[in-house]
Structures are given as C-alpha cells and as structure tokens.
Amino acid sequence: MIEYYDISGCYIVRPWAMSIWEIMQTFFDAEIKQMKIKNCYFPLFVSSGVLQKEKDHIEGFAPEVAWVTKSGESELEMPIAIRPTSETIMHPYFSKWIRGHRDLPLRLNQWCNIVRWEFSNPTPFIRSREILWQEGHTAFATKEEADTEVLEILELYRRIYEEFLAVPVIKGKKSEHEKFAGGLYTTTVEAFVPNTGRGVQGATSHCLGQNFAKMFEINFENEKGEKTIGVMVMVHGDDKGLVLPPKVASVQVIVIPVPYKGADMQGIFDACAATVKSLNEVGIRAEADLRENYSPGWKYSHWEMKGVPLRIEIGPKDFANNQVRAVRRDNAVKIDIPMADMVEKVKDMLDNIQQSLFDGAKQKRDACIQVVHTWEEFVEALGQKKMILAPWCDDEEVEKDVKARTKGDIGAAKSLCSPFNQPELPEGTLCFASGKPAKTWTYWGRSY
C-alpha cells in the first residue's frame, strides 16, 4: 500500500493504494459534475498576508502550517506558506468573479495535496504530513441553498464509505469546539474502529457563513482526504493482511493455475486466460498470476495479503471437470463452480462479499456503542474502548472539561458528533458531565 519515506510523516502511495483513491475519485467526480460543480486548481503557496486575513480560521491551523523561508541560499523577504487548506487562497478570487447575484451560485472543486506539519506520532493514511485532498468551495445567494448542498455532499461521502469501502458511518453535526475554525457549522460522517476503540472523522461538509464572503449570504465547503483508505484498512484488515471491498479493489479476482506433475499445464494456462477474458468482458477487474517461479501456496498468501476479494484456482481436476474453485478472502469459504456458470456466480459472490463486509463491520461497530447517563458510566465505557452515546448540555466549556478530566490513563475523550438521527430526549434528562439540562444526544470517544 505505502512505502516509508525518509521524511517523517511522508509516505509513498504505491499503485495498489493509489488505485483505491482513483476509484473513489472517479465516482465522486462524476457525481459532482452532475451537480454542475466544476474542477479547478489553485496554487500550492499562499502569502503570509493573505493567510492572516482570516485570523479565526487560521488559528485552528497555525501550528500545522509549513513555511518556505529560503530560495537556494537566500532568505525570502516574506515567508510563503504551503497550503494547509485553501479557504484563504480561493476566496479572495471569489470576490473578483462574483459581481452580483447573477454570478451565483459559484461551485468549484479541486483535487490537490495539502501539508499539515506540526504533530507527533504520524500514522500512514490517518495522520500524514502531506495528504491527497479533495475540497469543494461554493458560494450561494441564500443560506437555504447552501444548507441543501452541505447535506447533498455529505450524502456522497456516506456513499463512498458505506457503498464502496463497506464502512458504516454516522452522519451528524460537530460541536462548536470541534467545528471548522471560522465556519458557521460543520457536518461530518464519523467512523469507528472497534479493534482500537477510536473514532475517525471520515469527511466533513461545512457551512462557512459570511466569515469568508461578506458580500453574500453563505459559503459552503467540503473536504475529504486519503484518510478514507486508512479507515477501510483498519476496519476490514486481519492477521493475513488487507481485506478489500470489491468496489474499490483494483483486482477483484485473481486467477491462479495449480500445476501438477504430468498435467496439461498449457491447457490450464489457457483456461486461466479464458477465465480472465470472460470476467473482463462483463466489467470485472480480473488478472491471472501465471508466474512460474512461485508456488501456488506463495501466490495464495501474496494475494491474500493484498486483499483481493476473490481467488479462482484452476488445477488438473478443475480443468478436467470444466470447473473452477473460488475462494473468498473475507471468510475463506471455497466453492466449486461449473465454467458455464462462472461469470454469473462470480458477480453474485462479489456483490455478497461487498454486503457481508459492510454488515459485519456495522455489527461490530454497533456492539461497541454504549449509552450512558452518568459520569461514572462514561468513564467505565471509555476504559472499555466504547463509542459512547450520552445526553449533553451542548456547552463548550463542559466539552473542554471532559477532555481535560480524561487525559490520564484512559486517554482523552472528545465529542465526535451529534447524530442527525437523534434518539428521544425525555424532558428532565440531565447532561452526563455537568448535571445541567441536556439539549442533545452526542457521540463521544477517543479519536485519531
């Protein structure tokens, strides 16, 4: 998936991982084009003067901004920042291009890299210094239009996680403390990794209000990075390696010949090639591993480690019986399939693998959700690596206090989101942390 680089926090994204990003990019790009959103590209660099114009916004990123201070041996007269995100780069030009309501809406998207530098303990895909990035920026005449698009884009993010990566997510709203710096509000899709007991902010869709566009009613932004790949790896991986959902696997089916002394190996190789051809013709991404310097057992382990959803084996008995043996990566179930039924059976199996991965991940995620009502229950659940749903007073100072009080051995907790799908909150329900009247149900936990 990746190769470590000689600069901490930077990684080489190898083709196997890049193909996953490209599949998601192709889907998302086609969807936003149907929404009349156009792609563009803005420079990587931003002057310190422009960066400081939105002080509330940049304060949230200030520790992470990387600066260029030299050109060769010469000091630059003014340091230049490398973008941590693009609001302050893009929005000054919105004011040039939008002269009146006839120029609205203005809807732009860019695929780019961003750099966020100042942190410790980098983790590939989850916490990197250079990040593959998608960000959309849109200006509207009315708040109602912007609110609608915020939720439409958030739904696209949900589809990427649930329909492509087979990772269940919760749609909700970030707290005032956790929202995008300088924005009006932030919506999010939140994932949870049961093995580590940590939440992951999957992708966000923001209403930036008039902070970034004084002339007009609203500005909207959305963003998604390569973190999506890391979430998928952590949710579906096992001791053998990756487990890729078929929709994002660059190779959905690997066909492996099984040689045997005295067997018609040319016939078996031809059958492998014909199998790949038949699958490719119906849009299934299949390849054959015909390398003769590796044993079948080595190939099985190799492709299992890479997470290929389905393996097809063709040995002498299979060739003689005009059948193939299919082996699922997700559960290791083996099935013999007549060659005449092979294409339809493989399509069905891939669909079933995709759904089974999602269902299994959702079952594990749901088993980790615990409802609490008191501070004592909260601390106990946090120690058990749970994703906690608790009644909260929606007070920023209480939220900061929760984080401060849980910084010890159990690890600091933070609010993840207040779900759009709110359970009933009976009158008189009290906040788990402050004892004040509760205003909302909110998910809490440790996070990446």
Protein backbone atom coordinates (compact mmCIF):
# COMPACT_ATOMS: atom_id res chain seq x y z
CA MET A 1 0.00 0.00 0.00
CA ILE A 2 2.68 2.52 1.04
CA GLU A 3 6.44 2.81 1.35
CA TYR A 4 8.04 4.78 4.16
CA TYR A 5 9.93 7.89 3.06
CA ASP A 6 12.99 9.49 4.65
CA ILE A 7 10.93 12.46 5.90
CA SER A 8 8.80 11.61 8.93
CA GLY A 9 5.08 11.69 8.22
CA CYS A 10 5.51 11.50 4.44
CA TYR A 11 4.77 8.29 2.56
CA ILE A 12 4.97 6.93 -0.97
CA VAL A 13 1.49 5.87 -2.06
CA ARG A 14 2.09 2.77 -4.17
CA PRO A 15 -0.16 1.78 -7.10
CA TRP A 16 -2.21 -0.71 -5.05
CA ALA A 17 -3.36 2.09 -2.72
CA MET A 18 -3.49 4.78 -5.40
CA SER A 19 -5.95 2.70 -7.40
CA ILE A 20 -8.38 2.80 -4.44
CA TRP A 21 -8.13 6.59 -4.33
CA GLU A 22 -8.69 6.77 -8.11
CA ILE A 23 -11.83 4.60 -7.93
CA MET A 24 -13.31 6.87 -5.25
CA GLN A 25 -12.19 9.95 -7.20
CA THR A 26 -13.87 8.71 -10.39
CA PHE A 27 -17.18 8.13 -8.58
CA PHE A 28 -17.14 11.44 -6.71
CA ASP A 29 -16.03 13.44 -9.74
CA ALA A 30 -18.86 12.05 -11.87
CA GLU A 31 -21.41 12.83 -9.15
CA ILE A 32 -20.34 16.44 -8.62
CA LYS A 33 -20.23 17.06 -12.38
CA GLN A 34 -23.91 16.08 -12.47
CA MET A 35 -24.43 18.76 -9.80
CA LYS A 36 -22.75 21.30 -12.16
CA ILE A 37 -19.68 21.64 -9.91
CA LYS A 38 -16.55 22.35 -11.97
CA ASN A 39 -12.96 21.32 -11.27
CA CYS A 40 -10.20 23.90 -10.94
CA TYR A 41 -6.73 24.18 -9.45
CA PHE A 42 -5.27 26.91 -7.23
CA PRO A 43 -1.58 27.34 -6.33
CA LEU A 44 0.07 25.38 -3.54
CA PHE A 45 1.59 28.51 -1.99
CA VAL A 46 -0.04 31.32 -0.02
CA SER A 47 1.47 34.56 1.25
CA SER A 48 1.57 35.23 4.98
CA GLY A 49 -0.50 38.39 4.44
CA VAL A 50 -3.35 36.51 2.79
CA LEU A 51 -3.16 33.70 5.34
CA GLN A 52 -3.55 36.14 8.22
CA LYS A 53 -6.67 37.83 6.81
CA GLU A 54 -8.95 35.29 8.43
CA LYS A 55 -7.44 35.11 11.91
CA ASP A 56 -10.21 32.99 13.43
CA HIS A 57 -9.79 30.47 10.65
CA ILE A 58 -6.02 30.25 10.58
CA GLU A 59 -5.67 29.97 14.35
CA GLY A 60 -7.01 26.44 14.03
CA PHE A 61 -4.23 25.55 11.58
CA ALA A 62 -1.38 27.82 12.74
CA PRO A 63 0.69 25.10 14.48
CA GLU A 64 0.45 22.87 11.39
CA VAL A 65 1.42 25.40 8.70
CA ALA A 66 4.70 24.66 6.90
CA TRP A 67 6.66 27.69 5.67
CA VAL A 68 9.12 28.23 2.81
CA THR A 69 11.74 30.68 4.08
CA LYS A 70 14.68 30.27 1.67
CA SER A 71 15.37 30.16 -2.06
CA GLY A 72 18.70 28.43 -2.55
CA GLU A 73 20.98 30.16 -0.06
CA SER A 74 18.96 33.38 0.06
CA GLU A 75 16.38 34.19 2.71
CA LEU A 76 12.99 35.14 1.28
CA GLU A 77 11.89 38.69 2.04
CA MET A 78 8.48 37.31 3.04
CA PRO A 79 7.96 33.68 4.05
CA ILE A 80 5.48 31.71 1.96
CA ALA A 81 3.13 29.13 3.46
CA ILE A 82 2.28 25.76 1.93
CA ARG A 83 -1.49 25.37 1.98
CA PRO A 84 -2.98 23.52 4.95
CA THR A 85 -6.36 24.07 3.24
CA SER A 86 -7.49 26.54 0.61
CA GLU A 87 -10.10 28.96 2.01
CA THR A 88 -7.77 31.95 2.19
CA ILE A 89 -6.28 31.08 -1.22
CA MET A 90 -9.54 30.68 -3.11
CA HIS A 91 -12.00 33.08 -1.54
CA PRO A 92 -10.29 36.38 -2.47
CA TYR A 93 -10.83 35.37 -6.10
CA PHE A 94 -14.46 34.55 -5.48
CA SER A 95 -14.97 38.25 -4.72
CA LYS A 96 -13.40 39.10 -8.11
CA TRP A 97 -15.52 36.64 -10.03
CA ILE A 98 -18.83 37.31 -8.26
CA ARG A 99 -20.08 40.81 -9.06
CA GLY A 100 -23.75 40.24 -8.44
CA HIS A 101 -26.41 37.63 -7.81
CA ARG A 102 -26.39 36.69 -11.49
CA ASP A 103 -22.94 35.18 -10.94
CA LEU A 104 -24.30 32.81 -8.29
CA PRO A 105 -24.01 30.04 -7.48
CA LEU A 106 -20.27 29.64 -8.00
CA ARG A 107 -19.38 25.98 -7.44
CA LEU A 108 -15.77 24.80 -7.63
CA ASN A 109 -13.89 21.65 -6.66
CA GLN A 110 -10.20 20.87 -6.66
CA TRP A 111 -8.13 17.71 -6.30
CA CYS A 112 -4.80 18.60 -4.75
CA ASN A 113 -2.28 17.95 -1.98
CA ILE A 114 -2.19 19.79 1.33
CA VAL A 115 0.51 19.91 4.01
CA ARG A 116 -0.09 19.89 7.78
CA TRP A 117 3.16 19.65 9.66
CA GLU A 118 3.28 20.11 13.42
CA PHE A 119 2.27 16.87 15.12
CA SER A 120 3.86 13.76 16.59
CA ASN A 121 3.19 10.05 16.02
CA PRO A 122 2.36 10.12 12.30
CA THR A 123 0.28 7.20 11.01
CA PRO A 124 0.04 6.28 7.30
CA PHE A 125 -3.25 7.49 5.75
CA ILE A 126 -4.66 8.55 9.13
CA ARG A 127 -2.15 11.22 10.18
CA SER A 128 0.23 12.24 7.39
CA ARG A 129 2.05 15.49 6.72
CA GLU A 130 1.26 15.54 3.01
CA ILE A 131 -2.30 14.50 2.18
CA LEU A 132 -4.14 13.67 -1.03
CA TRP A 133 -7.10 16.01 -0.86
CA GLN A 134 -10.48 16.83 -2.33
CA GLU A 135 -12.09 20.13 -1.44
CA GLY A 136 -15.13 21.88 -2.81
CA HIS A 137 -15.90 25.57 -2.35
CA THR A 138 -19.26 27.05 -3.29
CA ALA A 139 -20.86 30.48 -2.97
CA PHE A 140 -24.66 30.82 -2.86
CA ALA A 141 -27.15 33.67 -2.72
CA THR A 142 -29.15 32.10 0.12
CA LYS A 143 -28.46 30.05 3.21
CA GLU A 144 -31.17 27.57 2.22
CA GLU A 145 -29.31 26.68 -0.99
CA ALA A 146 -26.07 26.21 0.90
CA ASP A 147 -27.67 24.09 3.62
CA THR A 148 -29.10 21.80 0.94
CA GLU A 149 -25.74 21.33 -0.76
CA VAL A 150 -23.96 20.70 2.54
CA LEU A 151 -26.20 17.69 3.08
CA GLU A 152 -26.05 16.52 -0.55
CA ILE A 153 -22.25 16.38 -0.45
CA LEU A 154 -22.30 14.74 2.98
CA GLU A 155 -24.53 12.04 1.48
CA LEU A 156 -21.92 11.44 -1.26
CA TYR A 157 -19.32 10.95 1.46
CA ARG A 158 -21.60 8.48 3.21
CA ARG A 159 -21.99 6.56 -0.03
CA ILE A 160 -18.22 6.38 -0.51
CA TYR A 161 -17.73 4.92 2.96
CA GLU A 162 -20.72 2.60 3.06
CA GLU A 163 -21.24 1.60 -0.59
CA PHE A 164 -17.60 1.49 -1.72
CA LEU A 165 -15.45 0.94 1.38
CA ALA A 166 -18.12 -1.09 3.26
CA VAL A 167 -17.50 1.03 6.37
CA PRO A 168 -20.57 2.12 8.39
CA VAL A 169 -20.62 5.80 9.35
CA ILE A 170 -22.79 8.11 11.43
CA LYS A 171 -23.93 11.40 9.90
CA GLY A 172 -24.07 14.27 12.33
CA LYS A 173 -23.04 17.77 13.36
CA LYS A 174 -19.79 18.74 15.05
CA SER A 175 -19.82 20.71 18.30
CA GLU A 176 -18.87 24.39 18.37
CA HIS A 177 -15.48 23.41 19.77
CA GLU A 178 -14.82 20.77 17.09
CA LYS A 179 -16.30 22.57 14.07
CA PHE A 180 -14.19 24.01 11.25
CA ALA A 181 -12.36 27.09 12.53
CA GLY A 182 -14.14 30.26 11.46
CA GLY A 183 -17.13 28.44 9.98
CA LEU A 184 -20.83 28.58 10.82
CA TYR A 185 -21.26 24.85 11.36
CA THR A 186 -19.68 21.54 10.36
CA THR A 187 -21.38 18.30 9.40
CA THR A 188 -19.48 15.03 9.40
CA VAL A 189 -19.51 11.32 8.73
CA GLU A 190 -17.90 9.54 11.69
CA ALA A 191 -16.45 6.04 11.57
CA PHE A 192 -15.35 3.86 14.48
CA VAL A 193 -12.57 1.25 14.63
CA PRO A 194 -13.63 -1.47 17.11
CA ASN A 195 -10.16 -3.02 17.36
CA THR A 196 -8.66 0.19 18.72
CA GLY A 197 -11.75 1.77 20.27
CA ARG A 198 -11.20 5.04 18.41
CA GLY A 199 -13.40 7.20 16.25
CA VAL A 200 -12.29 8.64 12.92
CA GLN A 201 -13.67 11.79 11.31
CA GLY A 202 -14.29 10.38 7.85
CA ALA A 203 -15.15 13.53 5.89
CA THR A 204 -16.70 16.91 6.60
CA SER A 205 -19.08 19.31 4.90
CA HIS A 206 -19.12 22.88 6.26
CA CYS A 207 -21.25 25.98 6.14
CA LEU A 208 -18.74 28.81 6.39
CA GLY A 209 -21.34 31.56 6.77
CA GLN A 210 -20.34 35.12 5.95
CA ASN A 211 -16.93 34.94 7.60
CA PHE A 212 -15.38 34.14 4.22
CA ALA A 213 -17.74 36.02 1.93
CA LYS A 214 -19.02 39.30 3.35
CA MET A 215 -20.88 40.26 0.18
CA PHE A 216 -23.06 37.17 0.00
CA GLU A 217 -25.32 35.14 2.18
CA ILE A 218 -23.30 31.95 2.53
CA ASN A 219 -20.27 29.97 1.55
CA PHE A 220 -20.06 26.20 1.63
CA GLU A 221 -17.09 23.86 1.71
CA ASN A 222 -16.49 20.13 1.78
CA GLU A 223 -13.32 18.12 2.20
CA LYS A 224 -12.14 14.55 2.08
CA GLY A 225 -8.62 13.13 2.21
CA GLU A 226 -6.76 9.86 1.88
CA LYS A 227 -7.79 9.08 5.48
CA THR A 228 -10.67 7.19 3.88
CA ILE A 229 -8.24 4.46 2.82
CA GLY A 230 -6.78 4.19 6.32
CA VAL A 231 -10.24 3.79 7.86
CA MET A 232 -11.04 0.96 5.46
CA VAL A 233 -7.74 -0.82 6.21
CA MET A 234 -8.30 -0.65 9.98
CA VAL A 235 -11.93 -1.75 9.83
CA HIS A 236 -11.51 -4.70 7.45
CA GLY A 237 -7.89 -5.86 7.82
CA ASP A 238 -6.97 -9.13 9.55
CA ASP A 239 -3.86 -11.10 10.52
CA LYS A 240 -3.30 -12.13 6.90
CA GLY A 241 -3.28 -8.54 5.61
CA LEU A 242 -5.77 -6.36 3.75
CA VAL A 243 -9.38 -7.26 3.05
CA LEU A 244 -10.56 -5.08 0.17
CA PRO A 245 -14.23 -4.50 -0.64
CA PRO A 246 -14.74 -5.46 -4.30
CA LYS A 247 -15.91 -1.99 -5.36
CA VAL A 248 -12.52 -0.41 -4.56
CA ALA A 249 -10.22 -3.34 -5.40
CA SER A 250 -8.11 -2.70 -8.49
CA VAL A 251 -8.02 -6.50 -8.87
CA GLN A 252 -11.34 -8.03 -7.84
CA VAL A 253 -10.50 -11.58 -8.91
CA ILE A 254 -7.07 -13.22 -9.12
CA VAL A 255 -6.87 -16.42 -11.18
CA ILE A 256 -4.12 -18.86 -10.18
CA PRO A 257 -3.11 -22.05 -12.05
CA VAL A 258 -2.31 -25.05 -9.86
CA PRO A 259 0.37 -27.15 -11.57
CA TYR A 260 0.71 -30.89 -11.07
CA LYS A 261 3.26 -33.32 -12.45
CA GLY A 262 2.06 -34.74 -15.75
CA ALA A 263 -0.83 -32.28 -16.06
CA ASP A 264 -1.67 -30.40 -19.25
CA MET A 265 -0.23 -27.12 -18.00
CA GLN A 266 -0.68 -25.32 -21.30
CA GLY A 267 -4.36 -26.21 -21.23
CA ILE A 268 -4.63 -24.98 -17.62
CA PHE A 269 -2.85 -21.72 -18.51
CA ASP A 270 -5.20 -21.25 -21.47
CA ALA A 271 -8.20 -21.86 -19.17
CA CYS A 272 -6.87 -19.19 -16.78
CA ALA A 273 -6.52 -16.71 -19.63
CA ALA A 274 -10.02 -17.51 -20.91
CA THR A 275 -11.44 -17.06 -17.40
CA VAL A 276 -9.85 -13.63 -17.09
CA LYS A 277 -11.13 -12.65 -20.54
CA SER A 278 -14.70 -13.72 -19.71
CA LEU A 279 -14.68 -11.76 -16.45
CA ASN A 280 -13.10 -8.66 -18.01
CA GLU A 281 -15.77 -8.64 -20.71
CA VAL A 282 -18.50 -8.07 -18.10
CA GLY A 283 -16.56 -5.36 -16.27
CA ILE A 284 -14.99 -7.48 -13.52
CA ARG A 285 -11.40 -6.48 -12.81
CA ALA A 286 -9.61 -9.85 -13.07
CA GLU A 287 -5.99 -10.87 -13.60
CA ALA A 288 -4.11 -14.17 -13.82
CA ASP A 289 -0.88 -14.84 -11.92
CA LEU A 290 0.98 -17.05 -14.37
CA ARG A 291 4.44 -16.62 -12.85
CA GLU A 292 6.21 -19.98 -12.89
CA ASN A 293 8.90 -19.13 -10.32
CA TYR A 294 6.43 -19.02 -7.41
CA SER A 295 4.42 -21.88 -5.93
CA PRO A 296 0.60 -21.75 -5.71
CA GLY A 297 0.85 -21.54 -1.90
CA TRP A 298 3.11 -18.50 -2.12
CA LYS A 299 0.70 -16.86 -4.57
CA TYR A 300 -2.28 -17.57 -2.30
CA SER A 301 -0.55 -15.82 0.61
CA HIS A 302 0.64 -12.95 -1.57
CA TRP A 303 -2.81 -12.09 -2.94
CA GLU A 304 -4.47 -12.65 0.43
CA MET A 305 -2.07 -10.11 1.95
CA LYS A 306 -3.00 -7.63 -0.80
CA GLY A 307 -6.69 -8.17 -0.01
CA VAL A 308 -8.01 -9.37 -3.38
CA PRO A 309 -11.69 -10.24 -2.71
CA LEU A 310 -11.87 -13.49 -4.68
CA ARG A 311 -9.34 -16.11 -5.76
CA ILE A 312 -10.03 -18.58 -8.54
CA GLU A 313 -7.91 -21.73 -8.71
CA ILE A 314 -7.68 -23.96 -11.77
CA GLY A 315 -5.88 -27.27 -11.29
CA PRO A 316 -5.85 -30.55 -13.27
CA LYS A 317 -9.12 -31.81 -11.71
CA ASP A 318 -10.83 -28.46 -12.29
CA PHE A 319 -9.61 -28.42 -15.90
CA ALA A 320 -10.79 -31.98 -16.48
CA ASN A 321 -14.21 -31.28 -14.95
CA ASN A 322 -14.59 -27.93 -16.76
CA GLN A 323 -14.93 -26.02 -13.47
CA VAL A 324 -13.06 -23.58 -11.23
CA ARG A 325 -12.61 -23.34 -7.49
CA ALA A 326 -13.44 -19.92 -5.98
CA VAL A 327 -12.09 -18.87 -2.56
CA ARG A 328 -13.41 -15.80 -0.75
CA ARG A 329 -10.92 -13.52 1.01
CA ASP A 330 -13.36 -12.32 3.67
CA ASN A 331 -14.31 -15.74 5.10
CA ALA A 332 -12.12 -18.30 3.26
CA VAL A 333 -15.20 -20.20 2.01
CA LYS A 334 -14.42 -22.37 -1.04
CA ILE A 335 -16.89 -23.31 -3.76
CA ASP A 336 -16.54 -25.29 -7.00
CA ILE A 337 -18.28 -23.58 -9.93
CA PRO A 338 -19.02 -25.06 -13.38
CA MET A 339 -17.31 -22.99 -16.06
CA ALA A 340 -20.66 -22.36 -17.74
CA ASP A 341 -21.96 -20.62 -14.60
CA MET A 342 -18.70 -18.97 -13.62
CA VAL A 343 -19.33 -15.37 -14.71
CA GLU A 344 -22.74 -15.03 -13.05
CA LYS A 345 -21.61 -16.83 -9.89
CA VAL A 346 -18.55 -14.59 -9.57
CA LYS A 347 -20.70 -11.45 -9.98
CA ASP A 348 -23.02 -12.71 -7.25
CA MET A 349 -20.12 -13.59 -4.95
CA LEU A 350 -18.53 -10.16 -5.33
CA ASP A 351 -21.85 -8.49 -4.50
CA ASN A 352 -22.23 -10.77 -1.49
CA ILE A 353 -18.68 -10.05 -0.28
CA GLN A 354 -19.30 -6.29 -0.51
CA GLN A 355 -22.51 -6.55 1.51
CA SER A 356 -21.07 -9.03 4.02
CA LEU A 357 -18.13 -6.75 4.77
CA PHE A 358 -20.45 -3.84 5.45
CA ASP A 359 -22.86 -5.92 7.53
CA GLY A 360 -20.01 -7.40 9.58
CA ALA A 361 -18.41 -4.01 10.17
CA LYS A 362 -21.74 -2.48 11.20
CA GLN A 363 -22.45 -5.33 13.60
CA LYS A 364 -19.05 -4.86 15.26
CA ARG A 365 -19.46 -1.07 15.36
CA ASP A 366 -22.95 -1.28 16.86
CA ALA A 367 -21.73 -3.73 19.51
CA CYS A 368 -19.22 -1.06 20.61
CA ILE A 369 -21.83 1.69 21.09
CA GLN A 370 -22.83 2.17 24.71
CA VAL A 371 -25.48 4.55 26.03
CA VAL A 372 -24.55 6.24 29.32
CA HIS A 373 -26.26 8.78 31.57
CA THR A 374 -23.68 9.49 34.29
CA TRP A 375 -20.03 10.44 34.51
CA GLU A 376 -19.19 7.14 36.22
CA GLU A 377 -20.78 5.17 33.39
CA PHE A 378 -18.95 7.35 30.87
CA VAL A 379 -15.52 6.70 32.41
CA GLU A 380 -16.18 2.96 32.62
CA ALA A 381 -17.30 2.76 28.98
CA LEU A 382 -14.32 4.82 27.81
CA GLY A 383 -12.00 2.40 29.60
CA GLN A 384 -13.67 -0.41 27.65
CA LYS A 385 -12.91 1.33 24.33
CA LYS A 386 -16.55 2.05 23.60
CA MET A 387 -18.17 4.60 21.33
CA ILE A 388 -20.33 6.43 23.84
CA LEU A 389 -23.75 8.00 23.26
CA ALA A 390 -24.61 10.39 26.07
CA PRO A 391 -27.02 13.25 26.81
CA TRP A 392 -25.12 16.54 26.77
CA CYS A 393 -25.84 20.17 27.62
CA ASP A 394 -24.03 21.38 24.45
CA ASP A 395 -21.75 23.66 26.48
CA GLU A 396 -18.27 24.28 25.04
CA GLU A 397 -16.68 24.69 28.48
CA VAL A 398 -18.14 21.37 29.64
CA GLU A 399 -16.72 19.75 26.50
CA LYS A 400 -13.25 21.11 27.26
CA ASP A 401 -13.61 19.89 30.85
CA VAL A 402 -14.47 16.35 29.67
CA LYS A 403 -11.29 16.27 27.60
CA ALA A 404 -9.20 17.58 30.49
CA ARG A 405 -10.65 15.11 33.01
CA THR A 406 -9.99 12.11 30.75
CA LYS A 407 -6.40 12.90 29.79
CA GLY A 408 -4.93 10.34 32.18
CA ASP A 409 -4.54 6.60 31.79
CA ILE A 410 -7.86 6.09 29.99
CA GLY A 411 -6.95 8.62 27.27
CA ALA A 412 -8.56 11.94 26.40
CA ALA A 413 -12.13 11.78 25.10
CA LYS A 414 -13.77 14.28 22.76
CA SER A 415 -17.15 14.78 21.18
CA LEU A 416 -17.40 13.00 17.83
CA CYS A 417 -20.76 14.32 16.60
CA SER A 418 -24.38 14.88 17.50
CA PRO A 419 -26.17 12.48 15.15
CA PHE A 420 -28.85 13.79 12.81
CA ASN A 421 -30.91 10.76 13.78
CA GLN A 422 -31.49 11.80 17.41
CA PRO A 423 -32.95 9.33 19.93
CA GLU A 424 -35.79 10.68 22.06
CA LEU A 425 -34.55 13.00 24.81
CA PRO A 426 -37.13 12.86 27.64
CA GLU A 427 -37.87 16.09 29.46
CA GLY A 428 -35.71 16.41 32.56
CA THR A 429 -32.77 14.43 31.13
CA LEU A 430 -29.50 15.74 32.56
CA CYS A 431 -26.08 16.12 30.97
CA PHE A 432 -23.80 13.20 31.87
CA ALA A 433 -20.88 15.53 32.64
CA SER A 434 -22.34 18.71 34.15
CA GLY A 435 -25.74 17.77 35.54
CA LYS A 436 -27.30 20.65 33.57
CA PRO A 437 -30.40 20.06 31.42
CA ALA A 438 -29.39 18.06 28.35
CA LYS A 439 -30.00 19.54 24.89
CA THR A 440 -28.78 16.76 22.59
CA TRP A 441 -27.52 13.21 22.35
CA THR A 442 -23.85 13.20 21.34
CA TYR A 443 -21.31 10.53 20.48
CA TRP A 444 -18.07 10.65 22.47
CA GLY A 445 -14.84 8.68 22.43
CA ARG A 446 -11.16 8.67 21.71
CA SER A 447 -10.30 9.56 18.14
CA TYR A 448 -7.46 9.61 15.65
